[in-house]
Amino acid sequence: MAELKEAAQRVQQRAQDLGLDITVRQMPGSTRTAEEAATACGCAIGQIVKSLVFKGRTSGKPYLLLVSGSNRVNEKGVAAVIGEPLTRPDAQFVRDITGYAIGGIPPLGHASPLATYFDRDLLRYDVVWAAAGTPEAVFSVAPVALSEKTAATVISVS
């Protein structure tokens, strides 16, 4: 683990703490976008887990949506499930809440607890790939295990 950046090491450790057996991989190029990640991982774009932070317009509460790389979030539809309209917070809010910069936000191991919602389309795959704390670090995992270990509510996001 010594070759991994500190943020990626935190993700590896947090996953282990949750009982999730993953191996964080440092990629030679960027995995910041779903397209870049799919190319780097040699997988379909739908197998990429986008970790997107939203903020409740009324409560100010942060919400984490784990979304298939091929999907766009239907904010009104998701808001109906969550129970309040959503806004997109600024990068500093996201960093403060998660402990990670946009482009490397993992689906677990955040600085603050987050209500987490899991895109049901990710369950179509045997393996999905998620960011691991930096724009070049990723890990693969079974989507069912990821949804369980993050205590996520499975919903339709698109």
C-alpha atoms as a PDB file:
ATOM      1  CA  MET A   1       0.000   0.000   0.000  1.00  0.00           C
ATOM      2  CA  ALA A   2       3.015   2.324   0.342  1.00  0.00           C
ATOM      3  CA  GLU A   3       2.905   3.292  -3.352  1.00  0.00           C
ATOM      4  CA  LEU A   4      -0.658   4.558  -3.002  1.00  0.00           C
ATOM      5  CA  LYS A   5      -1.318   8.193  -2.183  1.00  0.00           C
ATOM      6  CA  GLU A   6      -2.603   8.877   1.322  1.00  0.00           C
ATOM      7  CA  ALA A   7      -6.198   9.395   0.146  1.00  0.00           C
ATOM      8  CA  ALA A   8      -6.192   6.049  -1.675  1.00  0.00           C
ATOM      9  CA  GLN A   9      -4.717   4.330   1.372  1.00  0.00           C
ATOM     10  CA  ARG A  10      -7.588   5.738   3.462  1.00  0.00           C
ATOM     11  CA  VAL A  11     -10.112   4.232   1.031  1.00  0.00           C
ATOM     12  CA  GLN A  12      -8.339   0.846   1.127  1.00  0.00           C
ATOM     13  CA  GLN A  13      -8.323   0.882   4.943  1.00  0.00           C
ATOM     14  CA  ARG A  14     -11.940   2.022   5.271  1.00  0.00           C
ATOM     15  CA  ALA A  15     -13.090  -0.716   2.900  1.00  0.00           C
ATOM     16  CA  GLN A  16     -11.196  -3.284   4.959  1.00  0.00           C
ATOM     17  CA  ASP A  17     -12.782  -1.874   8.134  1.00  0.00           C
ATOM     18  CA  LEU A  18     -16.195  -2.461   6.533  1.00  0.00           C
ATOM     19  CA  GLY A  19     -15.255  -6.020   5.587  1.00  0.00           C
ATOM     20  CA  LEU A  20     -15.085  -5.203   1.891  1.00  0.00           C
ATOM     21  CA  ASP A  21     -12.232  -7.059   0.211  1.00  0.00           C
ATOM     22  CA  ILE A  22     -10.896  -4.651  -2.421  1.00  0.00           C
ATOM     23  CA  THR A  23      -7.553  -3.763  -3.922  1.00  0.00           C
ATOM     24  CA  VAL A  24      -7.006  -0.128  -4.816  1.00  0.00           C
ATOM     25  CA  ARG A  25      -5.170   0.239  -8.125  1.00  0.00           C
ATOM     26  CA  GLN A  26      -3.147   3.289  -9.092  1.00  0.00           C
ATOM     27  CA  MET A  27      -3.774   3.813 -12.813  1.00  0.00           C
ATOM     28  CA  PRO A  28      -1.189   5.389 -15.150  1.00  0.00           C
ATOM     29  CA  GLY A  29      -3.667   8.024 -16.358  1.00  0.00           C
ATOM     30  CA  SER A  30      -6.690   9.937 -15.170  1.00  0.00           C
ATOM     31  CA  THR A  31      -9.883   8.192 -14.111  1.00  0.00           C
ATOM     32  CA  ARG A  32     -11.560  11.503 -13.212  1.00  0.00           C
ATOM     33  CA  THR A  33     -14.494  11.091 -15.630  1.00  0.00           C
ATOM     34  CA  ALA A  34     -16.620   8.005 -16.238  1.00  0.00           C
ATOM     35  CA  GLU A  35     -15.286   7.835 -19.800  1.00  0.00           C
ATOM     36  CA  GLU A  36     -11.644   8.000 -18.679  1.00  0.00           C
ATOM     37  CA  ALA A  37     -12.273   5.426 -15.961  1.00  0.00           C
ATOM     38  CA  ALA A  38     -13.978   2.988 -18.333  1.00  0.00           C
ATOM     39  CA  THR A  39     -11.076   3.254 -20.770  1.00  0.00           C
ATOM     40  CA  ALA A  40      -8.485   2.797 -18.017  1.00  0.00           C
ATOM     41  CA  CYS A  41     -10.327  -0.143 -16.437  1.00  0.00           C
ATOM     42  CA  GLY A  42     -11.213  -1.808 -19.750  1.00  0.00           C
ATOM     43  CA  CYS A  43     -14.897  -1.990 -18.904  1.00  0.00           C
ATOM     44  CA  ALA A  44     -18.256  -0.642 -20.053  1.00  0.00           C
ATOM     45  CA  ILE A  45     -19.071   2.912 -19.010  1.00  0.00           C
ATOM     46  CA  GLY A  46     -22.114   1.576 -17.137  1.00  0.00           C
ATOM     47  CA  GLN A  47     -19.754  -0.329 -14.811  1.00  0.00           C
ATOM     48  CA  ILE A  48     -18.241   2.905 -13.505  1.00  0.00           C
ATOM     49  CA  VAL A  49     -19.640   4.117 -10.178  1.00  0.00           C
ATOM     50  CA  LYS A  50     -19.970   7.901 -10.132  1.00  0.00           C
ATOM     51  CA  SER A  51     -20.002   9.158  -6.523  1.00  0.00           C
ATOM     52  CA  LEU A  52     -22.098  12.329  -6.702  1.00  0.00           C
ATOM     53  CA  VAL A  53     -22.809  14.558  -3.726  1.00  0.00           C
ATOM     54  CA  PHE A  54     -26.016  16.569  -3.640  1.00  0.00           C
ATOM     55  CA  LYS A  55     -27.391  18.858  -0.959  1.00  0.00           C
ATOM     56  CA  GLY A  56     -30.951  19.058   0.306  1.00  0.00           C
ATOM     57  CA  ARG A  57     -32.335  22.465  -0.646  1.00  0.00           C
ATOM     58  CA  THR A  58     -34.373  22.708   2.563  1.00  0.00           C
ATOM     59  CA  SER A  59     -32.292  20.804   5.114  1.00  0.00           C
ATOM     60  CA  GLY A  60     -28.784  21.435   3.759  1.00  0.00           C
ATOM     61  CA  LYS A  61     -28.178  17.722   4.396  1.00  0.00           C
ATOM     62  CA  PRO A  62     -25.638  16.031   2.103  1.00  0.00           C
ATOM     63  CA  TYR A  63     -26.705  13.031   0.039  1.00  0.00           C
ATOM     64  CA  LEU A  64     -24.420  10.628  -1.807  1.00  0.00           C
ATOM     65  CA  LEU A  65     -25.699   9.110  -5.034  1.00  0.00           C
ATOM     66  CA  LEU A  66     -23.752   6.159  -6.421  1.00  0.00           C
ATOM     67  CA  VAL A  67     -24.664   6.312 -10.095  1.00  0.00           C
ATOM     68  CA  SER A  68     -23.881   4.149 -13.112  1.00  0.00           C
ATOM     69  CA  GLY A  69     -21.470   5.928 -15.456  1.00  0.00           C
ATOM     70  CA  SER A  70     -23.971   5.624 -18.302  1.00  0.00           C
ATOM     71  CA  ASN A  71     -26.776   7.371 -16.382  1.00  0.00           C
ATOM     72  CA  ARG A  72     -27.665  10.981 -15.685  1.00  0.00           C
ATOM     73  CA  VAL A  73     -29.420  11.796 -12.429  1.00  0.00           C
ATOM     74  CA  ASN A  74     -33.070  12.793 -12.713  1.00  0.00           C
ATOM     75  CA  GLU A  75     -32.907  15.272  -9.822  1.00  0.00           C
ATOM     76  CA  LYS A  76     -36.686  15.675  -9.551  1.00  0.00           C
ATOM     77  CA  GLY A  77     -37.238  11.921  -9.475  1.00  0.00           C
ATOM     78  CA  VAL A  78     -34.536  11.364  -6.870  1.00  0.00           C
ATOM     79  CA  ALA A  79     -35.816  14.321  -4.826  1.00  0.00           C
ATOM     80  CA  ALA A  80     -39.242  12.674  -4.720  1.00  0.00           C
ATOM     81  CA  VAL A  81     -37.661   9.540  -3.231  1.00  0.00           C
ATOM     82  CA  ILE A  82     -35.459  11.468  -0.776  1.00  0.00           C
ATOM     83  CA  GLY A  83     -38.215  13.834   0.261  1.00  0.00           C
ATOM     84  CA  GLU A  84     -36.761  17.239  -0.582  1.00  0.00           C
ATOM     85  CA  PRO A  85     -35.484  19.156  -3.616  1.00  0.00           C
ATOM     86  CA  LEU A  86     -31.784  18.804  -4.333  1.00  0.00           C
ATOM     87  CA  THR A  87     -29.080  21.291  -5.239  1.00  0.00           C
ATOM     88  CA  ARG A  88     -25.537  20.762  -6.433  1.00  0.00           C
ATOM     89  CA  PRO A  89     -23.086  21.975  -3.802  1.00  0.00           C
ATOM     90  CA  ASP A  90     -19.787  23.672  -4.576  1.00  0.00           C
ATOM     91  CA  ALA A  91     -16.485  21.797  -4.631  1.00  0.00           C
ATOM     92  CA  GLN A  92     -15.471  23.003  -1.156  1.00  0.00           C
ATOM     93  CA  PHE A  93     -18.682  21.657   0.413  1.00  0.00           C
ATOM     94  CA  VAL A  94     -18.053  18.299  -1.274  1.00  0.00           C
ATOM     95  CA  ARG A  95     -14.438  18.201  -0.041  1.00  0.00           C
ATOM     96  CA  ASP A  96     -15.463  19.180   3.504  1.00  0.00           C
ATOM     97  CA  ILE A  97     -18.194  16.513   3.677  1.00  0.00           C
ATOM     98  CA  THR A  98     -16.325  13.665   1.990  1.00  0.00           C
ATOM     99  CA  GLY A  99     -12.679  14.440   2.694  1.00  0.00           C
ATOM    100  CA  TYR A 100     -11.918  14.009  -1.016  1.00  0.00           C
ATOM    101  CA  ALA A 101     -11.740  16.241  -4.077  1.00  0.00           C
ATOM    102  CA  ILE A 102     -14.202  15.916  -6.950  1.00  0.00           C
ATOM    103  CA  GLY A 103     -12.821  13.449  -9.489  1.00  0.00           C
ATOM    104  CA  GLY A 104     -11.649  11.008  -6.824  1.00  0.00           C
ATOM    105  CA  ILE A 105     -14.615  10.721  -4.448  1.00  0.00           C
ATOM    106  CA  PRO A 106     -15.000   7.110  -3.356  1.00  0.00           C
ATOM    107  CA  PRO A 107     -18.328   5.485  -2.484  1.00  0.00           C
ATOM    108  CA  LEU A 108     -17.207   4.922   1.133  1.00  0.00           C
ATOM    109  CA  GLY A 109     -14.899   6.184   3.858  1.00  0.00           C
ATOM    110  CA  HIS A 110     -16.074   9.787   4.002  1.00  0.00           C
ATOM    111  CA  ALA A 111     -15.236  12.436   6.583  1.00  0.00           C
ATOM    112  CA  SER A 112     -18.924  12.715   7.532  1.00  0.00           C
ATOM    113  CA  PRO A 113     -21.725  10.133   7.439  1.00  0.00           C
ATOM    114  CA  LEU A 114     -23.786  10.428   4.263  1.00  0.00           C
ATOM    115  CA  ALA A 115     -27.253   9.170   3.409  1.00  0.00           C
ATOM    116  CA  THR A 116     -26.380   6.996   0.411  1.00  0.00           C
ATOM    117  CA  TYR A 117     -28.497   6.003  -2.586  1.00  0.00           C
ATOM    118  CA  PHE A 118     -27.426   3.317  -5.052  1.00  0.00           C
ATOM    119  CA  ASP A 119     -28.383   3.286  -8.732  1.00  0.00           C
ATOM    120  CA  ARG A 120     -30.211   0.001  -9.362  1.00  0.00           C
ATOM    121  CA  ASP A 121     -28.684  -0.121 -12.877  1.00  0.00           C
ATOM    122  CA  LEU A 122     -25.295  -0.913 -11.293  1.00  0.00           C
ATOM    123  CA  LEU A 123     -26.754  -4.225 -10.128  1.00  0.00           C
ATOM    124  CA  ARG A 124     -26.832  -5.422 -13.760  1.00  0.00           C
ATOM    125  CA  TYR A 125     -23.095  -6.049 -13.573  1.00  0.00           C
ATOM    126  CA  ASP A 126     -21.004  -8.678 -11.798  1.00  0.00           C
ATOM    127  CA  VAL A 127     -18.248  -6.105 -11.191  1.00  0.00           C
ATOM    128  CA  VAL A 128     -18.217  -2.316 -11.018  1.00  0.00           C
ATOM    129  CA  TRP A 129     -15.328   0.154 -10.689  1.00  0.00           C
ATOM    130  CA  ALA A 130     -15.259   3.099  -8.292  1.00  0.00           C
ATOM    131  CA  ALA A 131     -12.926   5.986  -7.508  1.00  0.00           C
ATOM    132  CA  ALA A 132     -10.540   5.391  -4.625  1.00  0.00           C
ATOM    133  CA  GLY A 133      -9.704   8.830  -3.301  1.00  0.00           C
ATOM    134  CA  THR A 134      -7.649  10.337  -6.124  1.00  0.00           C
ATOM    135  CA  PRO A 135      -8.281  11.022  -9.832  1.00  0.00           C
ATOM    136  CA  GLU A 136      -5.988   8.082 -10.723  1.00  0.00           C
ATOM    137  CA  ALA A 137      -7.007   5.448  -8.157  1.00  0.00           C
ATOM    138  CA  VAL A 138      -9.828   2.932  -8.597  1.00  0.00           C
ATOM    139  CA  PHE A 139     -11.066  -0.372  -7.227  1.00  0.00           C
ATOM    140  CA  SER A 140     -13.356  -3.093  -8.507  1.00  0.00           C
ATOM    141  CA  VAL A 141     -16.101  -4.630  -6.419  1.00  0.00           C
ATOM    142  CA  ALA A 142     -19.307  -6.616  -6.714  1.00  0.00           C
ATOM    143  CA  PRO A 143     -22.130  -4.059  -6.788  1.00  0.00           C
ATOM    144  CA  VAL A 144     -24.285  -6.005  -4.326  1.00  0.00           C
ATOM    145  CA  ALA A 145     -21.437  -5.996  -1.797  1.00  0.00           C
ATOM    146  CA  LEU A 146     -20.853  -2.273  -2.335  1.00  0.00           C
ATOM    147  CA  SER A 147     -24.513  -1.406  -1.830  1.00  0.00           C
ATOM    148  CA  GLU A 148     -24.657  -3.529   1.329  1.00  0.00           C
ATOM    149  CA  LYS A 149     -21.419  -2.232   2.888  1.00  0.00           C
ATOM    150  CA  THR A 150     -22.348   1.404   2.232  1.00  0.00           C
ATOM    151  CA  ALA A 151     -25.841   0.823   3.707  1.00  0.00           C
ATOM    152  CA  ALA A 152     -27.229   2.362   0.537  1.00  0.00           C
ATOM    153  CA  THR A 153     -30.861   2.532  -0.463  1.00  0.00           C
ATOM    154  CA  VAL A 154     -31.242   1.095  -3.985  1.00  0.00           C
ATOM    155  CA  ILE A 155     -33.260   3.419  -6.240  1.00  0.00           C
ATOM    156  CA  SER A 156     -33.757   4.348  -9.876  1.00  0.00           C
ATOM    157  CA  VAL A 157     -31.787   7.546 -10.504  1.00  0.00           C
ATOM    158  CA  SER A 158     -32.478   8.225 -14.167  1.00  0.00           C
END
